[in-house]
Amino acid sequence: MLATSGAARPLTPPVGRADDPQVCASLNGSEDLAERAPRFVIVGEIHGTDQVPRLFGDVACVVAKRRPVVIALEFDERTDVDVAQFLASSGDDAAVERLLRSDIWARDLADGRSSMAMLTLLRRLRDWRAAGRVIEVHGTQPRASGRLDQHYYELAMADRWASLADTHPNSVVLILVGSLHAHLVRQPGMMFAPAASHLPAADVLSLQSEPATGSAWNCQQDGCGPHSLSGKGTHKSAYVRALPTITDGFNGVFSVGTSLTASPPAIGPVSAR
């Protein structure tokens, strides 16, 4: 649930400048992905890390050099106006402070979607849009009343993605979303069909992370904060790669090339205000 408040919010230290919009980070496999990208490219993440939003931004940078790109993030769709205003701004400190007043960051549960890494990603996307690459950035977390089960939430999320593709038929829709929603097929034990499974399979490349070590800022039974990950990643060089068949619900894989580190909330929690 999102919380709204007119009260001032404690801000984290200022975010450093984003990358040079004319230079994309080197990422193995990204050039091939840019050449072959289908209508939808989905990066399924564990919320609340520094590295996965960074890798997503690296992918966006490379793809946007070759193809028109629309970005879909797991923000409430009602915050689109706030994001659009920031993207059209100069990106200075005042613009960042205005963005931090958006309900994007005002979560009772600081589950990683409102992290410092996500704020940094928006700053990178702003710079690339100013350079003429990224077309738009949209929130695609549906407005859910909670009266219907998760299946309808997933349908609504898929509909948001499909609407972006319909509005921008010549663009690649790049999606950063929790890995649960990114499965192309319903997995054993799932009580609902994931959002990505509602899209035509031939139109989707959905990327799953290699098992990773480190930590992520998410919400578990002991509350919201940094939690250790149980993966055993080999920490090869960072890469993205399509797979020949769907494996464990995905037809692509990525690695950030290092242990994951938890990214804290961009602003203080609601309870701290």
C-alpha atoms as a PDB file:
ATOM      1  CA  MET A   1       0.000   0.000   0.000  1.00  0.00           C
ATOM      2  CA  LEU A   2       1.130   3.518  -0.764  1.00  0.00           C
ATOM      3  CA  ALA A   3       0.917   6.232   1.857  1.00  0.00           C
ATOM      4  CA  THR A   4       0.487   9.922   1.153  1.00  0.00           C
ATOM      5  CA  SER A   5       1.496  12.784   3.382  1.00  0.00           C
ATOM      6  CA  GLY A   6       2.136  16.466   2.976  1.00  0.00           C
ATOM      7  CA  ALA A   7       4.777  16.382   5.702  1.00  0.00           C
ATOM      8  CA  ALA A   8       8.428  16.878   4.879  1.00  0.00           C
ATOM      9  CA  ARG A   9      10.352  13.667   4.377  1.00  0.00           C
ATOM     10  CA  PRO A  10      13.907  13.015   5.491  1.00  0.00           C
ATOM     11  CA  LEU A  11      16.079  12.753   2.387  1.00  0.00           C
ATOM     12  CA  THR A  12      19.145  10.613   1.934  1.00  0.00           C
ATOM     13  CA  PRO A  13      22.451  12.285   0.978  1.00  0.00           C
ATOM     14  CA  PRO A  14      22.458  13.812  -2.535  1.00  0.00           C
ATOM     15  CA  VAL A  15      22.733  11.355  -5.414  1.00  0.00           C
ATOM     16  CA  GLY A  16      25.825  11.691  -7.591  1.00  0.00           C
ATOM     17  CA  ARG A  17      25.549  12.730 -11.190  1.00  0.00           C
ATOM     18  CA  ALA A  18      24.399  10.090 -13.647  1.00  0.00           C
ATOM     19  CA  ASP A  19      26.606   8.667 -16.363  1.00  0.00           C
ATOM     20  CA  ASP A  20      27.685  10.462 -19.510  1.00  0.00           C
ATOM     21  CA  PRO A  21      24.573  10.037 -21.713  1.00  0.00           C
ATOM     22  CA  GLN A  22      26.796   9.551 -24.745  1.00  0.00           C
ATOM     23  CA  VAL A  23      28.603   6.524 -23.265  1.00  0.00           C
ATOM     24  CA  CYS A  24      27.089   3.119 -22.417  1.00  0.00           C
ATOM     25  CA  ALA A  25      28.744   0.722 -19.998  1.00  0.00           C
ATOM     26  CA  SER A  26      30.248  -2.365 -21.585  1.00  0.00           C
ATOM     27  CA  LEU A  27      27.999  -5.368 -20.926  1.00  0.00           C
ATOM     28  CA  ASN A  28      28.593  -8.726 -22.579  1.00  0.00           C
ATOM     29  CA  GLY A  29      25.660  -9.717 -24.787  1.00  0.00           C
ATOM     30  CA  SER A  30      23.937  -6.329 -24.735  1.00  0.00           C
ATOM     31  CA  GLU A  31      24.774  -5.436 -28.340  1.00  0.00           C
ATOM     32  CA  ASP A  32      23.335  -8.745 -29.544  1.00  0.00           C
ATOM     33  CA  LEU A  33      20.275  -8.178 -27.383  1.00  0.00           C
ATOM     34  CA  ALA A  34      19.823  -4.720 -28.906  1.00  0.00           C
ATOM     35  CA  GLU A  35      19.958  -6.199 -32.419  1.00  0.00           C
ATOM     36  CA  ARG A  36      17.527  -9.025 -31.702  1.00  0.00           C
ATOM     37  CA  ALA A  37      15.271  -7.480 -29.044  1.00  0.00           C
ATOM     38  CA  PRO A  38      11.627  -8.516 -29.429  1.00  0.00           C
ATOM     39  CA  ARG A  39       8.727  -6.249 -28.541  1.00  0.00           C
ATOM     40  CA  PHE A  40       9.204  -6.776 -24.793  1.00  0.00           C
ATOM     41  CA  VAL A  41      12.443  -7.248 -22.835  1.00  0.00           C
ATOM     42  CA  ILE A  42      11.874  -8.029 -19.164  1.00  0.00           C
ATOM     43  CA  VAL A  43      14.504  -8.032 -16.423  1.00  0.00           C
ATOM     44  CA  GLY A  44      13.206 -10.022 -13.454  1.00  0.00           C
ATOM     45  CA  GLU A  45      14.797  -8.804 -10.253  1.00  0.00           C
ATOM     46  CA  ILE A  46      15.098  -9.349  -6.544  1.00  0.00           C
ATOM     47  CA  HIS A  47      13.908  -5.961  -5.288  1.00  0.00           C
ATOM     48  CA  GLY A  48      16.303  -3.801  -3.303  1.00  0.00           C
ATOM     49  CA  THR A  49      19.785  -4.231  -4.770  1.00  0.00           C
ATOM     50  CA  ASP A  50      22.276  -1.717  -6.095  1.00  0.00           C
ATOM     51  CA  GLN A  51      23.347  -3.856  -9.038  1.00  0.00           C
ATOM     52  CA  VAL A  52      20.189  -4.975 -10.876  1.00  0.00           C
ATOM     53  CA  PRO A  53      18.783  -1.460 -11.546  1.00  0.00           C
ATOM     54  CA  ARG A  54      22.319  -0.556 -12.660  1.00  0.00           C
ATOM     55  CA  LEU A  55      22.399  -3.493 -15.105  1.00  0.00           C
ATOM     56  CA  PHE A  56      18.895  -2.631 -16.326  1.00  0.00           C
ATOM     57  CA  GLY A  57      20.096   0.905 -17.028  1.00  0.00           C
ATOM     58  CA  ASP A  58      23.105  -0.461 -18.906  1.00  0.00           C
ATOM     59  CA  VAL A  59      20.787  -2.576 -21.079  1.00  0.00           C
ATOM     60  CA  ALA A  60      18.504   0.407 -21.679  1.00  0.00           C
ATOM     61  CA  CYS A  61      21.450   2.560 -22.728  1.00  0.00           C
ATOM     62  CA  VAL A  62      22.648   0.063 -25.343  1.00  0.00           C
ATOM     63  CA  VAL A  63      19.211  -0.782 -26.738  1.00  0.00           C
ATOM     64  CA  ALA A  64      18.219   2.907 -26.926  1.00  0.00           C
ATOM     65  CA  LYS A  65      21.246   3.648 -29.140  1.00  0.00           C
ATOM     66  CA  ARG A  66      19.706   1.401 -31.807  1.00  0.00           C
ATOM     67  CA  ARG A  67      15.961   1.307 -31.185  1.00  0.00           C
ATOM     68  CA  PRO A  68      13.252   3.564 -29.745  1.00  0.00           C
ATOM     69  CA  VAL A  69      12.718   2.549 -26.116  1.00  0.00           C
ATOM     70  CA  VAL A  70       9.864   2.867 -23.627  1.00  0.00           C
ATOM     71  CA  ILE A  71      10.685   2.023 -19.999  1.00  0.00           C
ATOM     72  CA  ALA A  72       8.254   0.264 -17.647  1.00  0.00           C
ATOM     73  CA  LEU A  73       9.061   0.238 -13.908  1.00  0.00           C
ATOM     74  CA  GLU A  74       7.220  -1.282 -10.966  1.00  0.00           C
ATOM     75  CA  PHE A  75       5.852   2.030  -9.708  1.00  0.00           C
ATOM     76  CA  ASP A  76       2.199   2.861  -9.184  1.00  0.00           C
ATOM     77  CA  GLU A  77       0.824   4.062 -12.513  1.00  0.00           C
ATOM     78  CA  ARG A  78      -0.611   7.122 -10.756  1.00  0.00           C
ATOM     79  CA  THR A  79       2.925   8.482 -10.312  1.00  0.00           C
ATOM     80  CA  ASP A  80       3.511   8.823 -14.079  1.00  0.00           C
ATOM     81  CA  VAL A  81       2.992  12.592 -13.923  1.00  0.00           C
ATOM     82  CA  ASP A  82       5.692  12.954 -11.243  1.00  0.00           C
ATOM     83  CA  VAL A  83       8.138  10.879 -13.303  1.00  0.00           C
ATOM     84  CA  ALA A  84       7.339  12.758 -16.520  1.00  0.00           C
ATOM     85  CA  GLN A  85       7.955  16.097 -14.803  1.00  0.00           C
ATOM     86  CA  PHE A  86      11.319  14.898 -13.556  1.00  0.00           C
ATOM     87  CA  LEU A  87      12.323  13.551 -16.963  1.00  0.00           C
ATOM     88  CA  ALA A  88      11.517  16.931 -18.509  1.00  0.00           C
ATOM     89  CA  SER A  89      13.486  18.805 -15.828  1.00  0.00           C
ATOM     90  CA  SER A  90      17.127  19.819 -15.752  1.00  0.00           C
ATOM     91  CA  GLY A  91      17.798  17.023 -13.263  1.00  0.00           C
ATOM     92  CA  ASP A  92      19.260  19.450 -10.718  1.00  0.00           C
ATOM     93  CA  ASP A  93      18.990  19.044  -6.934  1.00  0.00           C
ATOM     94  CA  ALA A  94      15.693  20.943  -6.820  1.00  0.00           C
ATOM     95  CA  ALA A  95      14.203  18.582  -9.416  1.00  0.00           C
ATOM     96  CA  VAL A  96      15.376  15.567  -7.413  1.00  0.00           C
ATOM     97  CA  GLU A  97      13.793  16.966  -4.246  1.00  0.00           C
ATOM     98  CA  ARG A  98      10.504  17.472  -6.100  1.00  0.00           C
ATOM     99  CA  LEU A  99      10.667  13.886  -7.361  1.00  0.00           C
ATOM    100  CA  LEU A 100      11.285  12.620  -3.830  1.00  0.00           C
ATOM    101  CA  ARG A 101       7.943  14.119  -2.780  1.00  0.00           C
ATOM    102  CA  SER A 102       6.204  11.648  -5.108  1.00  0.00           C
ATOM    103  CA  ASP A 103       4.317   8.716  -3.647  1.00  0.00           C
ATOM    104  CA  ILE A 104       6.817   6.448  -5.422  1.00  0.00           C
ATOM    105  CA  TRP A 105       8.981   6.686  -2.330  1.00  0.00           C
ATOM    106  CA  ALA A 106       6.284   6.877   0.372  1.00  0.00           C
ATOM    107  CA  ARG A 107       5.880   3.176   1.088  1.00  0.00           C
ATOM    108  CA  ASP A 108       4.923   1.670   4.435  1.00  0.00           C
ATOM    109  CA  LEU A 109       6.913  -1.356   3.255  1.00  0.00           C
ATOM    110  CA  ALA A 110      10.311  -0.320   1.917  1.00  0.00           C
ATOM    111  CA  ASP A 111      10.563  -3.386  -0.306  1.00  0.00           C
ATOM    112  CA  GLY A 112      13.237  -2.169  -2.722  1.00  0.00           C
ATOM    113  CA  ARG A 113      11.050  -0.563  -5.368  1.00  0.00           C
ATOM    114  CA  SER A 114      11.601   2.773  -3.612  1.00  0.00           C
ATOM    115  CA  SER A 115      15.357   2.369  -3.238  1.00  0.00           C
ATOM    116  CA  MET A 116      18.260   4.708  -3.788  1.00  0.00           C
ATOM    117  CA  ALA A 117      19.220   2.513  -6.762  1.00  0.00           C
ATOM    118  CA  MET A 118      15.821   3.194  -8.367  1.00  0.00           C
ATOM    119  CA  LEU A 119      16.312   6.928  -7.864  1.00  0.00           C
ATOM    120  CA  THR A 120      19.726   6.683  -9.527  1.00  0.00           C
ATOM    121  CA  LEU A 121      18.144   4.737 -12.405  1.00  0.00           C
ATOM    122  CA  LEU A 122      15.615   7.529 -12.957  1.00  0.00           C
ATOM    123  CA  ARG A 123      18.447  10.057 -13.069  1.00  0.00           C
ATOM    124  CA  ARG A 124      20.236   7.993 -15.710  1.00  0.00           C
ATOM    125  CA  LEU A 125      17.037   7.665 -17.739  1.00  0.00           C
ATOM    126  CA  ARG A 126      16.472  11.420 -17.513  1.00  0.00           C
ATOM    127  CA  ASP A 127      19.912  12.071 -18.976  1.00  0.00           C
ATOM    128  CA  TRP A 128      19.373   9.590 -21.814  1.00  0.00           C
ATOM    129  CA  ARG A 129      15.964  11.053 -22.600  1.00  0.00           C
ATOM    130  CA  ALA A 130      17.565  14.507 -22.747  1.00  0.00           C
ATOM    131  CA  ALA A 131      20.047  13.025 -25.222  1.00  0.00           C
ATOM    132  CA  GLY A 132      17.136  11.819 -27.377  1.00  0.00           C
ATOM    133  CA  ARG A 133      17.209   8.112 -26.574  1.00  0.00           C
ATOM    134  CA  VAL A 134      14.553   6.973 -24.104  1.00  0.00           C
ATOM    135  CA  ILE A 135      11.046   8.021 -25.176  1.00  0.00           C
ATOM    136  CA  GLU A 136       9.006   7.638 -21.991  1.00  0.00           C
ATOM    137  CA  VAL A 137       9.099   6.061 -18.531  1.00  0.00           C
ATOM    138  CA  HIS A 138       5.922   4.597 -17.035  1.00  0.00           C
ATOM    139  CA  GLY A 139       4.844   2.949 -13.830  1.00  0.00           C
ATOM    140  CA  THR A 140       3.084  -0.357 -14.464  1.00  0.00           C
ATOM    141  CA  GLN A 141       2.089  -1.448 -10.972  1.00  0.00           C
ATOM    142  CA  PRO A 142      -1.716  -1.739 -11.263  1.00  0.00           C
ATOM    143  CA  ARG A 143      -4.219   0.032  -9.075  1.00  0.00           C
ATOM    144  CA  ALA A 144      -5.473  -2.932  -7.059  1.00  0.00           C
ATOM    145  CA  SER A 145      -8.354  -2.780  -4.606  1.00  0.00           C
ATOM    146  CA  GLY A 146      -7.440  -6.090  -2.986  1.00  0.00           C
ATOM    147  CA  ARG A 147     -10.960  -7.448  -3.538  1.00  0.00           C
ATOM    148  CA  LEU A 148      -9.801  -9.859  -6.253  1.00  0.00           C
ATOM    149  CA  ASP A 149      -7.000 -12.393  -6.137  1.00  0.00           C
ATOM    150  CA  GLN A 150      -3.476 -12.082  -7.559  1.00  0.00           C
ATOM    151  CA  HIS A 151      -4.482 -13.459 -10.963  1.00  0.00           C
ATOM    152  CA  TYR A 152      -6.325 -10.231 -11.772  1.00  0.00           C
ATOM    153  CA  TYR A 153      -3.390  -8.112 -10.597  1.00  0.00           C
ATOM    154  CA  GLU A 154      -1.117  -9.985 -13.017  1.00  0.00           C
ATOM    155  CA  LEU A 155      -3.618  -9.525 -15.845  1.00  0.00           C
ATOM    156  CA  ALA A 156      -3.752  -5.798 -15.147  1.00  0.00           C
ATOM    157  CA  MET A 157       0.040  -5.527 -15.163  1.00  0.00           C
ATOM    158  CA  ALA A 158       0.257  -7.385 -18.491  1.00  0.00           C
ATOM    159  CA  ASP A 159      -2.425  -5.087 -19.877  1.00  0.00           C
ATOM    160  CA  ARG A 160      -0.329  -2.045 -18.931  1.00  0.00           C
ATOM    161  CA  TRP A 161       2.656  -3.482 -20.788  1.00  0.00           C
ATOM    162  CA  ALA A 162       0.517  -4.331 -23.800  1.00  0.00           C
ATOM    163  CA  SER A 163      -0.927  -0.804 -23.816  1.00  0.00           C
ATOM    164  CA  LEU A 164       2.596   0.675 -23.966  1.00  0.00           C
ATOM    165  CA  ALA A 165       3.425  -1.591 -26.909  1.00  0.00           C
ATOM    166  CA  ASP A 166       0.193  -0.598 -28.659  1.00  0.00           C
ATOM    167  CA  THR A 167       0.885   3.104 -28.132  1.00  0.00           C
ATOM    168  CA  HIS A 168       4.518   2.730 -29.270  1.00  0.00           C
ATOM    169  CA  PRO A 169       4.417  -0.088 -31.865  1.00  0.00           C
ATOM    170  CA  ASN A 170       7.925   0.637 -33.170  1.00  0.00           C
ATOM    171  CA  SER A 171       9.553   0.716 -29.737  1.00  0.00           C
ATOM    172  CA  VAL A 172      11.071  -1.912 -27.457  1.00  0.00           C
ATOM    173  CA  VAL A 173       9.282  -1.974 -24.099  1.00  0.00           C
ATOM    174  CA  LEU A 174      11.997  -2.514 -21.470  1.00  0.00           C
ATOM    175  CA  ILE A 175      10.536  -3.731 -18.188  1.00  0.00           C
ATOM    176  CA  LEU A 176      12.111  -3.943 -14.733  1.00  0.00           C
ATOM    177  CA  VAL A 177       9.877  -5.942 -12.422  1.00  0.00           C
ATOM    178  CA  GLY A 178      10.003  -8.463  -9.585  1.00  0.00           C
ATOM    179  CA  SER A 179      10.975 -11.868 -10.929  1.00  0.00           C
ATOM    180  CA  LEU A 180       7.675 -13.395  -9.798  1.00  0.00           C
ATOM    181  CA  HIS A 181       5.833 -11.341 -12.430  1.00  0.00           C
ATOM    182  CA  ALA A 182       8.439 -12.051 -15.123  1.00  0.00           C
ATOM    183  CA  HIS A 183       7.896 -15.820 -15.524  1.00  0.00           C
ATOM    184  CA  LEU A 184       6.781 -16.752 -19.029  1.00  0.00           C
ATOM    185  CA  VAL A 185       4.943 -19.849 -17.841  1.00  0.00           C
ATOM    186  CA  ARG A 186       3.148 -20.687 -14.641  1.00  0.00           C
ATOM    187  CA  GLN A 187       5.495 -22.608 -12.370  1.00  0.00           C
ATOM    188  CA  PRO A 188       4.608 -25.572 -10.122  1.00  0.00           C
ATOM    189  CA  GLY A 189       3.043 -24.313  -6.933  1.00  0.00           C
ATOM    190  CA  MET A 190       2.047 -20.909  -8.351  1.00  0.00           C
ATOM    191  CA  MET A 191      -1.562 -20.043  -7.566  1.00  0.00           C
ATOM    192  CA  PHE A 192      -1.853 -17.630 -10.494  1.00  0.00           C
ATOM    193  CA  ALA A 193      -0.499 -17.002 -13.998  1.00  0.00           C
ATOM    194  CA  PRO A 194       2.347 -14.415 -13.904  1.00  0.00           C
ATOM    195  CA  ALA A 195       2.028 -11.168 -15.856  1.00  0.00           C
ATOM    196  CA  ALA A 196       4.610 -12.101 -18.505  1.00  0.00           C
ATOM    197  CA  SER A 197       2.763 -15.358 -19.257  1.00  0.00           C
ATOM    198  CA  HIS A 198      -0.154 -13.324 -20.636  1.00  0.00           C
ATOM    199  CA  LEU A 199       1.999 -11.850 -23.428  1.00  0.00           C
ATOM    200  CA  PRO A 200       2.691 -13.688 -26.717  1.00  0.00           C
ATOM    201  CA  ALA A 201       5.803 -15.753 -25.989  1.00  0.00           C
ATOM    202  CA  ALA A 202       7.391 -14.913 -29.348  1.00  0.00           C
ATOM    203  CA  ASP A 203       7.264 -11.205 -28.444  1.00  0.00           C
ATOM    204  CA  VAL A 204       9.070 -11.524 -25.102  1.00  0.00           C
ATOM    205  CA  LEU A 205      12.619 -11.986 -23.857  1.00  0.00           C
ATOM    206  CA  SER A 206      12.420 -12.441 -20.086  1.00  0.00           C
ATOM    207  CA  LEU A 207      15.726 -12.520 -18.208  1.00  0.00           C
ATOM    208  CA  GLN A 208      16.351 -14.272 -14.905  1.00  0.00           C
ATOM    209  CA  SER A 209      19.326 -13.569 -12.658  1.00  0.00           C
ATOM    210  CA  GLU A 210      21.936 -16.203 -12.032  1.00  0.00           C
ATOM    211  CA  PRO A 211      21.769 -17.306  -8.378  1.00  0.00           C
ATOM    212  CA  ALA A 212      23.506 -14.493  -6.521  1.00  0.00           C
ATOM    213  CA  THR A 213      25.270 -14.029  -3.225  1.00  0.00           C
ATOM    214  CA  GLY A 214      25.153 -10.873  -1.130  1.00  0.00           C
ATOM    215  CA  SER A 215      22.149  -8.998   0.217  1.00  0.00           C
ATOM    216  CA  ALA A 216      18.991  -7.165  -0.825  1.00  0.00           C
ATOM    217  CA  TRP A 217      16.813  -4.591   0.975  1.00  0.00           C
ATOM    218  CA  ASN A 218      13.400  -6.204   1.152  1.00  0.00           C
ATOM    219  CA  CYS A 219      10.581  -7.086   3.519  1.00  0.00           C
ATOM    220  CA  GLN A 220      10.442 -10.420   5.317  1.00  0.00           C
ATOM    221  CA  GLN A 221       8.917 -11.741   8.519  1.00  0.00           C
ATOM    222  CA  ASP A 222      11.460  -9.836  10.621  1.00  0.00           C
ATOM    223  CA  GLY A 223      10.647  -6.555   8.877  1.00  0.00           C
ATOM    224  CA  CYS A 224      12.122  -4.460   6.063  1.00  0.00           C
ATOM    225  CA  GLY A 225      15.867  -4.106   5.760  1.00  0.00           C
ATOM    226  CA  PRO A 226      18.964  -5.759   4.299  1.00  0.00           C
ATOM    227  CA  HIS A 227      18.624  -9.539   4.069  1.00  0.00           C
ATOM    228  CA  SER A 228      21.205 -12.115   3.005  1.00  0.00           C
ATOM    229  CA  LEU A 229      20.752 -14.034  -0.237  1.00  0.00           C
ATOM    230  CA  SER A 230      21.319 -17.770  -0.403  1.00  0.00           C
ATOM    231  CA  GLY A 231      22.553 -18.030  -3.995  1.00  0.00           C
ATOM    232  CA  LYS A 232      25.898 -19.437  -5.040  1.00  0.00           C
ATOM    233  CA  GLY A 233      26.727 -17.286  -8.050  1.00  0.00           C
ATOM    234  CA  THR A 234      30.063 -17.742  -9.786  1.00  0.00           C
ATOM    235  CA  HIS A 235      30.446 -13.986 -10.344  1.00  0.00           C
ATOM    236  CA  LYS A 236      31.592 -14.196 -13.930  1.00  0.00           C
ATOM    237  CA  SER A 237      31.785 -10.965 -15.896  1.00  0.00           C
ATOM    238  CA  ALA A 238      28.398  -9.246 -16.113  1.00  0.00           C
ATOM    239  CA  TYR A 239      26.352 -10.389 -19.103  1.00  0.00           C
ATOM    240  CA  VAL A 240      22.894 -10.823 -20.624  1.00  0.00           C
ATOM    241  CA  ARG A 241      22.047 -13.805 -22.820  1.00  0.00           C
ATOM    242  CA  ALA A 242      19.019 -15.313 -24.532  1.00  0.00           C
ATOM    243  CA  LEU A 243      18.392 -19.029 -24.006  1.00  0.00           C
ATOM    244  CA  PRO A 244      17.346 -21.453 -26.754  1.00  0.00           C
ATOM    245  CA  THR A 245      14.325 -22.641 -24.759  1.00  0.00           C
ATOM    246  CA  ILE A 246      12.321 -21.558 -21.732  1.00  0.00           C
ATOM    247  CA  THR A 247      14.129 -22.731 -18.599  1.00  0.00           C
ATOM    248  CA  ASP A 248      12.610 -22.339 -15.119  1.00  0.00           C
ATOM    249  CA  GLY A 249      10.066 -19.980 -16.631  1.00  0.00           C
ATOM    250  CA  PHE A 250      12.553 -17.683 -18.425  1.00  0.00           C
ATOM    251  CA  ASN A 251      14.080 -17.575 -21.900  1.00  0.00           C
ATOM    252  CA  GLY A 252      17.085 -15.466 -20.928  1.00  0.00           C
ATOM    253  CA  VAL A 253      19.590 -15.050 -18.130  1.00  0.00           C
ATOM    254  CA  PHE A 254      21.811 -12.309 -16.734  1.00  0.00           C
ATOM    255  CA  SER A 255      24.556 -11.826 -14.205  1.00  0.00           C
ATOM    256  CA  VAL A 256      25.650  -8.583 -12.558  1.00  0.00           C
ATOM    257  CA  GLY A 257      29.180  -9.984 -12.278  1.00  0.00           C
ATOM    258  CA  THR A 258      29.555  -9.507  -8.522  1.00  0.00           C
ATOM    259  CA  SER A 259      27.848 -10.054  -5.180  1.00  0.00           C
ATOM    260  CA  LEU A 260      24.654  -8.076  -4.728  1.00  0.00           C
ATOM    261  CA  THR A 261      24.487  -5.285  -2.144  1.00  0.00           C
ATOM    262  CA  ALA A 262      21.353  -3.942  -0.491  1.00  0.00           C
ATOM    263  CA  SER A 263      20.117  -0.556  -1.667  1.00  0.00           C
ATOM    264  CA  PRO A 264      18.335   1.354   1.135  1.00  0.00           C
ATOM    265  CA  PRO A 265      15.188   3.451   0.644  1.00  0.00           C
ATOM    266  CA  ALA A 266      15.693   6.768  -1.126  1.00  0.00           C
ATOM    267  CA  ILE A 267      13.855   8.488   1.738  1.00  0.00           C
ATOM    268  CA  GLY A 268      13.138   7.594   5.342  1.00  0.00           C
ATOM    269  CA  PRO A 269      10.288   5.151   6.082  1.00  0.00           C
ATOM    270  CA  VAL A 270       6.766   6.426   6.666  1.00  0.00           C
ATOM    271  CA  SER A 271       7.017   5.547  10.357  1.00  0.00           C
ATOM    272  CA  ALA A 272      10.024   7.891  10.699  1.00  0.00           C
ATOM    273  CA  ARG A 273       8.130  10.956   9.541  1.00  0.00           C
END
